[in-house]
């Protein structure tokens, strides 16, 4: 385990980005395997287990191209803007995070996936799910970011955030797929 921490400290950008991307893909796999409905027969991107690997690749792509990079740089900038782990600094970071980063990351998730799916209206999912996601996220992320800013060393914050994002991304993937299945039935 020491060698993992050594690599992590030596190459924090690469470690954080790869770790975050893997967690995003894992969130989609968990959503499909545990929470998702059984797939329709004849789908070309699903294997015998019923996993839509194209969907997982899209979620991983959004995680890699936007979320991992954004959060890595965002957390570093936030630490420079509001340094320290005291109550005042942590509270300030959480508030700024929820006002700026939360709407951007939720929007990037929905719009990014819609663009990768070549949807006619890439804002449709965003319009339908943004407020539910944001309100849920304010409660969830405020708590998790307070823990992150108060107790996690800056070098590991993006990966910690990725681990927490695993849970929230499962929620987002499930919310998104749940609505897709409802629309397909009508």
N, C-alpha and C. Protein backbone atom coordinates (compact mmCIF):
# COMPACT_ATOMS: atom_id res chain seq x y z
N UNK A 1 0.82 -1.19 0.00
CA UNK A 1 0.00 0.00 0.00
C UNK A 1 0.87 1.26 0.00
N UNK A 2 2.07 1.15 0.56
CA UNK A 2 2.97 2.31 0.58
C UNK A 2 3.36 2.73 -0.83
N UNK A 3 3.54 1.75 -1.73
CA UNK A 3 3.95 2.08 -3.09
C UNK A 3 2.84 2.83 -3.81
N UNK A 4 1.57 2.51 -3.50
CA UNK A 4 0.45 3.22 -4.12
C UNK A 4 0.48 4.68 -3.69
N UNK A 5 0.67 4.92 -2.41
CA UNK A 5 0.73 6.28 -1.89
C UNK A 5 1.93 7.02 -2.48
N UNK A 6 3.06 6.33 -2.65
CA UNK A 6 4.26 6.95 -3.24
C UNK A 6 4.00 7.37 -4.68
N UNK A 7 3.36 6.50 -5.45
CA UNK A 7 3.02 6.84 -6.85
C UNK A 7 2.02 7.98 -6.86
N UNK A 8 1.06 7.92 -5.97
CA UNK A 8 0.03 8.93 -5.87
C UNK A 8 0.63 10.30 -5.60
N UNK A 9 1.57 10.36 -4.66
CA UNK A 9 2.22 11.63 -4.32
C UNK A 9 3.16 12.10 -5.43
N UNK A 10 3.82 11.15 -6.11
CA UNK A 10 4.76 11.51 -7.17
C UNK A 10 4.05 12.00 -8.43
N UNK A 11 2.91 11.44 -8.73
CA UNK A 11 2.15 11.79 -9.93
C UNK A 11 0.68 12.06 -9.57
N UNK A 12 0.42 13.12 -8.81
CA UNK A 12 -0.95 13.34 -8.33
C UNK A 12 -1.96 13.59 -9.45
N UNK A 13 -1.56 14.29 -10.49
CA UNK A 13 -2.50 14.58 -11.57
C UNK A 13 -2.95 13.29 -12.25
N UNK A 14 -2.00 12.48 -12.69
CA UNK A 14 -2.32 11.25 -13.39
C UNK A 14 -3.10 10.30 -12.49
N UNK A 15 -2.65 10.15 -11.24
CA UNK A 15 -3.33 9.26 -10.30
C UNK A 15 -4.77 9.70 -10.05
N UNK A 16 -4.96 10.99 -9.85
CA UNK A 16 -6.30 11.51 -9.60
C UNK A 16 -7.21 11.33 -10.81
N UNK A 17 -6.69 11.64 -11.99
CA UNK A 17 -7.50 11.56 -13.21
C UNK A 17 -7.90 10.12 -13.50
N UNK A 18 -6.94 9.21 -13.46
CA UNK A 18 -7.24 7.80 -13.73
C UNK A 18 -8.16 7.20 -12.66
N UNK A 19 -7.89 7.54 -11.42
CA UNK A 19 -8.74 7.04 -10.34
C UNK A 19 -10.16 7.54 -10.45
N UNK A 20 -10.31 8.81 -10.74
CA UNK A 20 -11.64 9.41 -10.87
C UNK A 20 -12.41 8.80 -12.04
N UNK A 21 -11.72 8.61 -13.16
CA UNK A 21 -12.35 8.02 -14.35
C UNK A 21 -12.80 6.59 -14.07
N UNK A 22 -11.96 5.81 -13.41
CA UNK A 22 -12.32 4.43 -13.06
C UNK A 22 -13.53 4.40 -12.13
N UNK A 23 -13.60 5.34 -11.21
CA UNK A 23 -14.74 5.39 -10.30
C UNK A 23 -16.03 5.77 -11.04
N UNK A 24 -15.94 6.66 -12.00
CA UNK A 24 -17.11 7.02 -12.80
C UNK A 24 -17.63 5.81 -13.57
N UNK A 25 -16.72 5.08 -14.23
CA UNK A 25 -17.11 3.88 -14.96
C UNK A 25 -17.71 2.85 -14.00
N UNK A 26 -17.11 2.71 -12.83
CA UNK A 26 -17.62 1.76 -11.84
C UNK A 26 -19.03 2.14 -11.39
N UNK A 27 -19.29 3.43 -11.25
CA UNK A 27 -20.63 3.88 -10.85
C UNK A 27 -21.67 3.45 -11.86
N UNK A 28 -21.35 3.60 -13.15
CA UNK A 28 -22.30 3.18 -14.17
C UNK A 28 -22.50 1.66 -14.14
N UNK A 29 -21.42 0.92 -13.96
CA UNK A 29 -21.53 -0.54 -13.89
C UNK A 29 -22.38 -0.99 -12.71
N UNK A 30 -22.21 -0.34 -11.56
CA UNK A 30 -23.02 -0.67 -10.39
C UNK A 30 -24.48 -0.35 -10.67
N UNK A 31 -24.72 0.81 -11.26
CA UNK A 31 -26.09 1.20 -11.57
C UNK A 31 -26.73 0.19 -12.50
N UNK A 32 -26.03 -0.22 -13.53
CA UNK A 32 -26.60 -1.18 -14.48
C UNK A 32 -26.79 -2.56 -13.85
N UNK A 33 -25.82 -2.99 -13.08
CA UNK A 33 -25.84 -4.35 -12.52
C UNK A 33 -26.81 -4.50 -11.36
N UNK A 34 -26.90 -3.49 -10.53
CA UNK A 34 -27.68 -3.61 -9.31
C UNK A 34 -29.03 -2.90 -9.41
N UNK A 35 -29.02 -1.69 -9.94
CA UNK A 35 -30.24 -0.89 -9.94
C UNK A 35 -30.97 -0.86 -11.28
N UNK A 36 -30.26 -1.18 -12.34
CA UNK A 36 -30.84 -1.08 -13.67
C UNK A 36 -31.84 -2.17 -13.96
N UNK A 37 -32.69 -1.89 -14.95
CA UNK A 37 -33.65 -2.89 -15.40
C UNK A 37 -32.94 -3.87 -16.30
N UNK A 38 -33.52 -5.03 -16.47
CA UNK A 38 -32.94 -6.03 -17.36
C UNK A 38 -33.01 -5.50 -18.79
N UNK A 39 -31.93 -5.65 -19.54
CA UNK A 39 -31.88 -5.10 -20.89
C UNK A 39 -32.79 -5.85 -21.86
N UNK A 40 -33.16 -5.13 -22.90
CA UNK A 40 -33.95 -5.74 -23.96
C UNK A 40 -33.07 -6.71 -24.74
N UNK A 41 -33.64 -7.78 -25.23
CA UNK A 41 -32.85 -8.74 -25.99
C UNK A 41 -32.48 -8.15 -27.34
N UNK A 42 -31.34 -8.58 -27.85
CA UNK A 42 -30.90 -8.14 -29.16
C UNK A 42 -30.06 -6.88 -29.17
N UNK A 43 -29.74 -6.33 -28.03
CA UNK A 43 -28.91 -5.13 -28.00
C UNK A 43 -27.48 -5.51 -28.39
N UNK A 44 -26.88 -4.74 -29.24
CA UNK A 44 -25.55 -5.08 -29.74
C UNK A 44 -24.44 -4.70 -28.78
N UNK A 45 -24.66 -3.80 -27.85
CA UNK A 45 -23.58 -3.37 -26.97
C UNK A 45 -23.63 -4.04 -25.60
N UNK A 46 -24.46 -5.04 -25.44
CA UNK A 46 -24.56 -5.71 -24.16
C UNK A 46 -24.03 -7.13 -24.25
N UNK A 47 -23.32 -7.54 -23.21
CA UNK A 47 -22.82 -8.91 -23.20
C UNK A 47 -23.81 -9.80 -22.44
N UNK A 48 -23.41 -11.00 -22.14
CA UNK A 48 -24.31 -11.94 -21.47
C UNK A 48 -24.73 -11.48 -20.08
N UNK A 49 -23.94 -10.65 -19.45
CA UNK A 49 -24.26 -10.18 -18.12
C UNK A 49 -25.32 -9.07 -18.19
N UNK A 50 -25.51 -8.50 -19.34
CA UNK A 50 -26.50 -7.44 -19.49
C UNK A 50 -25.94 -6.05 -19.27
N UNK A 51 -24.66 -5.89 -19.43
CA UNK A 51 -24.03 -4.58 -19.25
C UNK A 51 -23.93 -3.89 -20.60
N UNK A 52 -24.40 -2.67 -20.66
CA UNK A 52 -24.27 -1.85 -21.86
C UNK A 52 -22.91 -1.16 -21.78
N UNK A 53 -21.92 -1.77 -22.41
CA UNK A 53 -20.54 -1.27 -22.33
C UNK A 53 -20.39 0.08 -23.03
N UNK A 54 -21.20 0.36 -24.03
CA UNK A 54 -21.14 1.67 -24.69
C UNK A 54 -21.58 2.76 -23.71
N UNK A 55 -22.62 2.46 -22.92
CA UNK A 55 -23.07 3.42 -21.91
C UNK A 55 -21.96 3.65 -20.87
N UNK A 56 -21.34 2.58 -20.42
CA UNK A 56 -20.26 2.71 -19.44
C UNK A 56 -19.11 3.52 -20.03
N UNK A 57 -18.79 3.29 -21.29
CA UNK A 57 -17.72 4.05 -21.95
C UNK A 57 -18.08 5.53 -22.04
N UNK A 58 -19.34 5.83 -22.30
CA UNK A 58 -19.77 7.24 -22.36
C UNK A 58 -19.64 7.90 -20.99
N UNK A 59 -20.07 7.20 -19.95
CA UNK A 59 -19.96 7.76 -18.59
C UNK A 59 -18.49 7.96 -18.23
N UNK A 60 -17.64 6.99 -18.55
CA UNK A 60 -16.21 7.12 -18.28
C UNK A 60 -15.61 8.29 -19.07
N UNK A 61 -16.05 8.47 -20.30
CA UNK A 61 -15.55 9.57 -21.13
C UNK A 61 -15.91 10.91 -20.52
N UNK A 62 -17.15 11.06 -20.08
CA UNK A 62 -17.55 12.32 -19.42
C UNK A 62 -16.74 12.50 -18.14
N UNK A 63 -16.56 11.42 -17.39
CA UNK A 63 -15.76 11.49 -16.17
C UNK A 63 -14.33 11.91 -16.44
N UNK A 64 -13.73 11.32 -17.47
CA UNK A 64 -12.35 11.63 -17.81
C UNK A 64 -12.20 13.02 -18.42
N UNK A 65 -13.00 13.32 -19.42
CA UNK A 65 -12.83 14.56 -20.18
C UNK A 65 -13.21 15.81 -19.38
N UNK A 66 -14.21 15.69 -18.52
CA UNK A 66 -14.61 16.88 -17.78
C UNK A 66 -14.41 16.72 -16.28
N UNK A 67 -15.11 15.81 -15.65
CA UNK A 67 -15.18 15.76 -14.20
C UNK A 67 -13.82 15.59 -13.52
N UNK A 68 -13.03 14.65 -13.97
CA UNK A 68 -11.74 14.41 -13.32
C UNK A 68 -10.83 15.62 -13.45
N UNK A 69 -10.73 16.16 -14.65
CA UNK A 69 -9.87 17.33 -14.86
C UNK A 69 -10.39 18.56 -14.15
N UNK A 70 -11.68 18.80 -14.28
CA UNK A 70 -12.27 19.96 -13.61
C UNK A 70 -12.04 19.89 -12.11
N UNK A 71 -12.38 18.75 -11.51
CA UNK A 71 -12.26 18.65 -10.05
C UNK A 71 -10.82 18.73 -9.57
N UNK A 72 -9.90 18.18 -10.32
CA UNK A 72 -8.49 18.27 -9.93
C UNK A 72 -8.07 19.74 -9.84
N UNK A 73 -8.37 20.50 -10.88
CA UNK A 73 -7.97 21.92 -10.91
C UNK A 73 -8.84 22.77 -9.99
N UNK A 74 -10.11 22.45 -9.91
CA UNK A 74 -11.03 23.19 -9.06
C UNK A 74 -10.62 23.09 -7.59
N UNK A 75 -10.32 21.89 -7.13
CA UNK A 75 -9.96 21.71 -5.73
C UNK A 75 -8.64 22.39 -5.39
N UNK A 76 -7.71 22.37 -6.32
CA UNK A 76 -6.44 23.08 -6.10
C UNK A 76 -6.67 24.59 -6.01
N UNK A 77 -7.49 25.12 -6.91
CA UNK A 77 -7.80 26.55 -6.90
C UNK A 77 -8.57 26.96 -5.67
N UNK A 78 -9.51 26.12 -5.26
CA UNK A 78 -10.30 26.41 -4.07
C UNK A 78 -9.41 26.44 -2.82
N UNK A 79 -8.43 25.54 -2.77
CA UNK A 79 -7.51 25.51 -1.63
C UNK A 79 -6.64 26.77 -1.61
N UNK A 80 -6.23 27.24 -2.78
CA UNK A 80 -5.44 28.48 -2.84
C UNK A 80 -6.28 29.69 -2.45
N UNK A 81 -7.54 29.69 -2.89
CA UNK A 81 -8.43 30.81 -2.61
C UNK A 81 -8.81 30.86 -1.13
N UNK A 82 -9.09 29.70 -0.54
CA UNK A 82 -9.51 29.61 0.85
C UNK A 82 -8.68 28.54 1.56
N UNK A 83 -7.41 28.85 1.88
CA UNK A 83 -6.52 27.83 2.45
C UNK A 83 -6.92 27.42 3.87
N UNK A 84 -6.57 26.18 4.20
CA UNK A 84 -6.74 25.71 5.56
C UNK A 84 -7.92 24.79 5.75
N UNK A 85 -7.97 24.24 6.96
CA UNK A 85 -9.01 23.28 7.31
C UNK A 85 -9.86 23.72 8.48
N UNK A 86 -9.77 25.00 8.84
CA UNK A 86 -10.59 25.50 9.94
C UNK A 86 -12.05 25.63 9.52
N UNK A 87 -12.90 25.86 10.49
CA UNK A 87 -14.34 25.92 10.25
C UNK A 87 -14.68 27.00 9.21
N UNK A 88 -14.09 28.16 9.33
CA UNK A 88 -14.40 29.26 8.41
C UNK A 88 -13.97 28.91 6.98
N UNK A 89 -12.76 28.37 6.81
CA UNK A 89 -12.25 28.01 5.48
C UNK A 89 -13.07 26.88 4.88
N UNK A 90 -13.38 25.86 5.67
CA UNK A 90 -14.14 24.71 5.18
C UNK A 90 -15.55 25.16 4.77
N UNK A 91 -16.18 25.97 5.59
CA UNK A 91 -17.52 26.48 5.27
C UNK A 91 -17.49 27.29 3.99
N UNK A 92 -16.51 28.16 3.85
CA UNK A 92 -16.38 28.95 2.63
C UNK A 92 -16.19 28.08 1.40
N UNK A 93 -15.35 27.06 1.51
CA UNK A 93 -15.11 26.15 0.38
C UNK A 93 -16.39 25.40 0.00
N UNK A 94 -17.12 24.94 1.00
CA UNK A 94 -18.35 24.19 0.72
C UNK A 94 -19.38 25.09 0.03
N UNK A 95 -19.55 26.29 0.51
CA UNK A 95 -20.52 27.21 -0.09
C UNK A 95 -20.13 27.55 -1.53
N UNK A 96 -18.88 27.92 -1.75
CA UNK A 96 -18.42 28.25 -3.10
C UNK A 96 -18.54 27.03 -4.01
N UNK A 97 -18.20 25.86 -3.50
CA UNK A 97 -18.30 24.64 -4.27
C UNK A 97 -19.74 24.39 -4.72
N UNK A 98 -20.68 24.56 -3.82
CA UNK A 98 -22.08 24.29 -4.15
C UNK A 98 -22.68 25.35 -5.08
N UNK A 99 -22.19 26.55 -5.01
CA UNK A 99 -22.71 27.61 -5.88
C UNK A 99 -22.10 27.59 -7.28
N UNK A 100 -20.86 27.13 -7.40
CA UNK A 100 -20.18 27.18 -8.71
C UNK A 100 -19.97 25.79 -9.29
N UNK A 101 -19.27 24.93 -8.57
CA UNK A 101 -18.91 23.62 -9.13
C UNK A 101 -20.10 22.69 -9.29
N UNK A 102 -21.00 22.67 -8.34
CA UNK A 102 -22.13 21.72 -8.41
C UNK A 102 -22.97 21.92 -9.67
N UNK A 103 -23.41 23.14 -9.98
CA UNK A 103 -24.20 23.29 -11.21
C UNK A 103 -23.40 22.94 -12.47
N UNK A 104 -22.12 23.27 -12.48
CA UNK A 104 -21.30 22.95 -13.65
C UNK A 104 -21.13 21.45 -13.85
N UNK A 105 -20.84 20.73 -12.78
CA UNK A 105 -20.57 19.30 -12.92
C UNK A 105 -21.84 18.52 -13.23
N UNK A 106 -22.96 18.89 -12.63
CA UNK A 106 -24.22 18.22 -12.95
C UNK A 106 -24.60 18.49 -14.40
N UNK A 107 -24.45 19.73 -14.82
CA UNK A 107 -24.75 20.08 -16.22
C UNK A 107 -23.85 19.33 -17.18
N UNK A 108 -22.57 19.25 -16.87
CA UNK A 108 -21.63 18.53 -17.75
C UNK A 108 -21.99 17.06 -17.86
N UNK A 109 -22.47 16.48 -16.76
CA UNK A 109 -22.86 15.07 -16.78
C UNK A 109 -24.01 14.85 -17.76
N UNK A 110 -25.10 15.56 -17.57
CA UNK A 110 -26.28 15.35 -18.41
C UNK A 110 -26.06 15.78 -19.86
N UNK A 111 -25.50 16.94 -20.05
CA UNK A 111 -25.30 17.44 -21.41
C UNK A 111 -24.22 16.63 -22.13
N UNK A 112 -23.15 16.29 -21.42
CA UNK A 112 -22.07 15.50 -22.01
C UNK A 112 -22.56 14.15 -22.50
N UNK A 113 -23.33 13.45 -21.67
CA UNK A 113 -23.86 12.15 -22.08
C UNK A 113 -24.83 12.29 -23.25
N UNK A 114 -25.66 13.31 -23.22
CA UNK A 114 -26.59 13.53 -24.33
C UNK A 114 -25.86 13.80 -25.63
N UNK A 115 -24.78 14.57 -25.57
CA UNK A 115 -23.99 14.83 -26.78
C UNK A 115 -23.33 13.55 -27.29
N UNK A 116 -22.80 12.75 -26.38
CA UNK A 116 -22.17 11.49 -26.78
C UNK A 116 -23.18 10.50 -27.36
N UNK A 117 -24.44 10.63 -26.96
CA UNK A 117 -25.50 9.77 -27.49
C UNK A 117 -26.12 10.36 -28.76
N UNK A 118 -25.64 11.51 -29.18
CA UNK A 118 -26.14 12.20 -30.38
C UNK A 118 -27.63 12.48 -30.30
N UNK A 119 -28.09 12.91 -29.15
CA UNK A 119 -29.50 13.22 -28.97
C UNK A 119 -29.87 14.47 -29.77
N UNK A 120 -31.10 14.50 -30.25
CA UNK A 120 -31.59 15.67 -30.99
C UNK A 120 -31.59 16.92 -30.12
N UNK A 121 -31.98 16.76 -28.86
CA UNK A 121 -32.01 17.87 -27.91
C UNK A 121 -31.08 17.53 -26.75
N UNK A 122 -29.82 17.97 -26.81
CA UNK A 122 -28.87 17.60 -25.74
C UNK A 122 -29.19 18.23 -24.38
N UNK A 123 -30.14 19.15 -24.33
CA UNK A 123 -30.51 19.77 -23.05
C UNK A 123 -31.74 19.13 -22.41
N UNK A 124 -32.36 18.17 -23.08
CA UNK A 124 -33.59 17.57 -22.56
C UNK A 124 -33.39 16.93 -21.19
N UNK A 125 -32.41 16.04 -21.06
CA UNK A 125 -32.15 15.41 -19.76
C UNK A 125 -31.81 16.44 -18.71
N UNK A 126 -31.01 17.42 -19.10
CA UNK A 126 -30.61 18.46 -18.16
C UNK A 126 -31.84 19.20 -17.63
N UNK A 127 -32.74 19.60 -18.53
CA UNK A 127 -33.94 20.32 -18.10
C UNK A 127 -34.80 19.48 -17.16
N UNK A 128 -34.92 18.19 -17.44
CA UNK A 128 -35.78 17.31 -16.65
C UNK A 128 -35.17 16.91 -15.30
N UNK A 129 -33.86 16.85 -15.21
CA UNK A 129 -33.25 16.23 -14.03
C UNK A 129 -32.33 17.13 -13.22
N UNK A 130 -32.02 18.32 -13.74
CA UNK A 130 -31.05 19.17 -13.06
C UNK A 130 -31.47 19.50 -11.63
N UNK A 131 -32.68 20.02 -11.44
CA UNK A 131 -33.06 20.50 -10.11
C UNK A 131 -33.14 19.37 -9.09
N UNK A 132 -33.64 18.22 -9.48
CA UNK A 132 -33.66 17.07 -8.57
C UNK A 132 -32.23 16.70 -8.18
N UNK A 133 -31.36 16.66 -9.17
CA UNK A 133 -29.96 16.31 -8.93
C UNK A 133 -29.28 17.35 -8.06
N UNK A 134 -29.51 18.62 -8.35
CA UNK A 134 -28.86 19.70 -7.61
C UNK A 134 -29.31 19.71 -6.15
N UNK A 135 -30.61 19.63 -5.91
CA UNK A 135 -31.12 19.66 -4.54
C UNK A 135 -30.60 18.47 -3.73
N UNK A 136 -30.60 17.30 -4.34
CA UNK A 136 -30.05 16.12 -3.66
C UNK A 136 -28.56 16.31 -3.41
N UNK A 137 -27.88 16.85 -4.41
CA UNK A 137 -26.44 17.08 -4.31
C UNK A 137 -26.05 18.08 -3.24
N UNK A 138 -26.86 19.12 -3.05
CA UNK A 138 -26.52 20.13 -2.03
C UNK A 138 -26.43 19.47 -0.66
N UNK A 139 -27.36 18.61 -0.34
CA UNK A 139 -27.33 17.93 0.96
C UNK A 139 -26.16 16.95 1.02
N UNK A 140 -26.05 16.10 -0.01
CA UNK A 140 -25.02 15.08 -0.04
C UNK A 140 -23.62 15.68 -0.10
N UNK A 141 -23.40 16.56 -1.08
CA UNK A 141 -22.07 17.10 -1.31
C UNK A 141 -21.61 18.06 -0.23
N UNK A 142 -22.51 18.81 0.35
CA UNK A 142 -22.09 19.73 1.43
C UNK A 142 -21.45 18.94 2.56
N UNK A 143 -22.05 17.83 2.91
CA UNK A 143 -21.51 16.99 3.98
C UNK A 143 -20.18 16.37 3.56
N UNK A 144 -20.16 15.79 2.36
CA UNK A 144 -18.95 15.10 1.90
C UNK A 144 -17.79 16.06 1.66
N UNK A 145 -18.08 17.23 1.12
CA UNK A 145 -17.01 18.20 0.90
C UNK A 145 -16.48 18.76 2.21
N UNK A 146 -17.34 18.91 3.20
CA UNK A 146 -16.86 19.35 4.51
C UNK A 146 -15.85 18.35 5.07
N UNK A 147 -16.15 17.06 4.94
CA UNK A 147 -15.21 16.02 5.36
C UNK A 147 -13.93 16.10 4.53
N UNK A 148 -14.09 16.24 3.23
CA UNK A 148 -12.95 16.32 2.31
C UNK A 148 -12.03 17.48 2.68
N UNK A 149 -12.59 18.67 2.84
CA UNK A 149 -11.78 19.86 3.11
C UNK A 149 -11.19 19.86 4.51
N UNK A 150 -11.87 19.24 5.45
CA UNK A 150 -11.38 19.26 6.83
C UNK A 150 -10.37 18.16 7.14
N UNK A 151 -10.50 16.98 6.52
CA UNK A 151 -9.70 15.85 6.94
C UNK A 151 -8.80 15.21 5.88
N UNK A 152 -9.06 15.44 4.61
CA UNK A 152 -8.29 14.78 3.55
C UNK A 152 -7.15 15.70 3.10
N UNK A 153 -5.92 15.17 3.00
CA UNK A 153 -4.82 16.02 2.54
C UNK A 153 -5.07 16.47 1.09
N UNK A 154 -4.67 17.69 0.75
CA UNK A 154 -4.93 18.22 -0.59
C UNK A 154 -4.51 17.29 -1.74
N UNK A 155 -3.43 16.55 -1.58
CA UNK A 155 -2.95 15.68 -2.65
C UNK A 155 -3.94 14.55 -2.96
N UNK A 156 -4.79 14.20 -2.02
CA UNK A 156 -5.72 13.08 -2.21
C UNK A 156 -7.17 13.52 -2.37
N UNK A 157 -7.43 14.80 -2.44
CA UNK A 157 -8.82 15.27 -2.46
C UNK A 157 -9.59 14.88 -3.71
N UNK A 158 -8.95 14.88 -4.86
CA UNK A 158 -9.68 14.53 -6.08
C UNK A 158 -10.10 13.07 -6.05
N UNK A 159 -9.23 12.19 -5.59
CA UNK A 159 -9.59 10.77 -5.52
C UNK A 159 -10.65 10.54 -4.44
N UNK A 160 -10.52 11.21 -3.30
CA UNK A 160 -11.58 11.10 -2.28
C UNK A 160 -12.90 11.56 -2.88
N UNK A 161 -12.86 12.67 -3.57
CA UNK A 161 -14.04 13.20 -4.24
C UNK A 161 -14.58 12.19 -5.25
N UNK A 162 -13.68 11.52 -5.96
CA UNK A 162 -14.09 10.49 -6.91
C UNK A 162 -14.79 9.34 -6.22
N UNK A 163 -14.26 8.93 -5.06
CA UNK A 163 -14.91 7.86 -4.30
C UNK A 163 -16.31 8.24 -3.85
N UNK A 164 -16.45 9.47 -3.39
CA UNK A 164 -17.76 9.97 -3.00
C UNK A 164 -18.64 10.13 -4.24
N UNK A 165 -18.02 10.58 -5.32
CA UNK A 165 -18.76 10.74 -6.58
C UNK A 165 -19.27 9.41 -7.10
N UNK A 166 -18.60 8.32 -6.72
CA UNK A 166 -19.08 6.99 -7.11
C UNK A 166 -20.54 6.84 -6.67
N UNK A 167 -20.81 7.17 -5.42
CA UNK A 167 -22.16 7.04 -4.88
C UNK A 167 -23.11 8.01 -5.59
N UNK A 168 -22.71 9.26 -5.75
CA UNK A 168 -23.58 10.25 -6.38
C UNK A 168 -23.78 9.95 -7.86
N UNK A 169 -22.75 9.45 -8.52
CA UNK A 169 -22.87 9.13 -9.95
C UNK A 169 -23.79 7.92 -10.14
N UNK A 170 -23.77 6.98 -9.22
CA UNK A 170 -24.74 5.88 -9.28
C UNK A 170 -26.15 6.48 -9.25
N UNK A 171 -26.37 7.43 -8.35
CA UNK A 171 -27.66 8.11 -8.28
C UNK A 171 -28.00 8.80 -9.60
N UNK A 172 -27.05 9.57 -10.16
CA UNK A 172 -27.30 10.27 -11.42
C UNK A 172 -27.58 9.30 -12.57
N UNK A 173 -26.78 8.24 -12.66
CA UNK A 173 -26.99 7.24 -13.71
C UNK A 173 -28.36 6.57 -13.56
N UNK A 174 -28.71 6.26 -12.33
CA UNK A 174 -30.00 5.62 -12.08
C UNK A 174 -31.14 6.57 -12.43
N UNK A 175 -31.06 7.80 -12.00
CA UNK A 175 -32.09 8.80 -12.30
C UNK A 175 -32.23 8.97 -13.81
N UNK A 176 -31.11 9.04 -14.48
CA UNK A 176 -31.11 9.21 -15.93
C UNK A 176 -31.70 7.98 -16.63
N UNK A 177 -31.30 6.79 -16.25
CA UNK A 177 -31.80 5.57 -16.88
C UNK A 177 -33.26 5.31 -16.53
N UNK A 178 -33.65 5.64 -15.33
CA UNK A 178 -35.03 5.45 -14.90
C UNK A 178 -35.96 6.25 -15.80
N UNK A 179 -35.62 7.47 -16.08
CA UNK A 179 -36.45 8.32 -16.94
C UNK A 179 -36.42 7.82 -18.38
N UNK A 180 -35.25 7.32 -18.84
CA UNK A 180 -35.16 6.80 -20.21
C UNK A 180 -36.09 5.61 -20.39
N UNK A 181 -36.13 4.72 -19.40
CA UNK A 181 -36.99 3.55 -19.50
C UNK A 181 -38.47 3.95 -19.49
N UNK A 182 -38.83 4.97 -18.70
CA UNK A 182 -40.20 5.46 -18.66
C UNK A 182 -40.61 6.02 -20.02
N UNK A 183 -39.68 6.78 -20.66
CA UNK A 183 -39.98 7.38 -21.94
C UNK A 183 -40.10 6.30 -23.03
N UNK A 184 -39.30 5.24 -22.95
CA UNK A 184 -39.35 4.16 -23.94
C UNK A 184 -40.66 3.40 -23.87
N UNK A 185 -41.25 3.30 -22.68
CA UNK A 185 -42.51 2.56 -22.50
C UNK A 185 -43.71 3.32 -23.01
N UNK A 186 -43.62 4.64 -23.08
CA UNK A 186 -44.78 5.44 -23.50
C UNK A 186 -44.84 5.62 -24.99
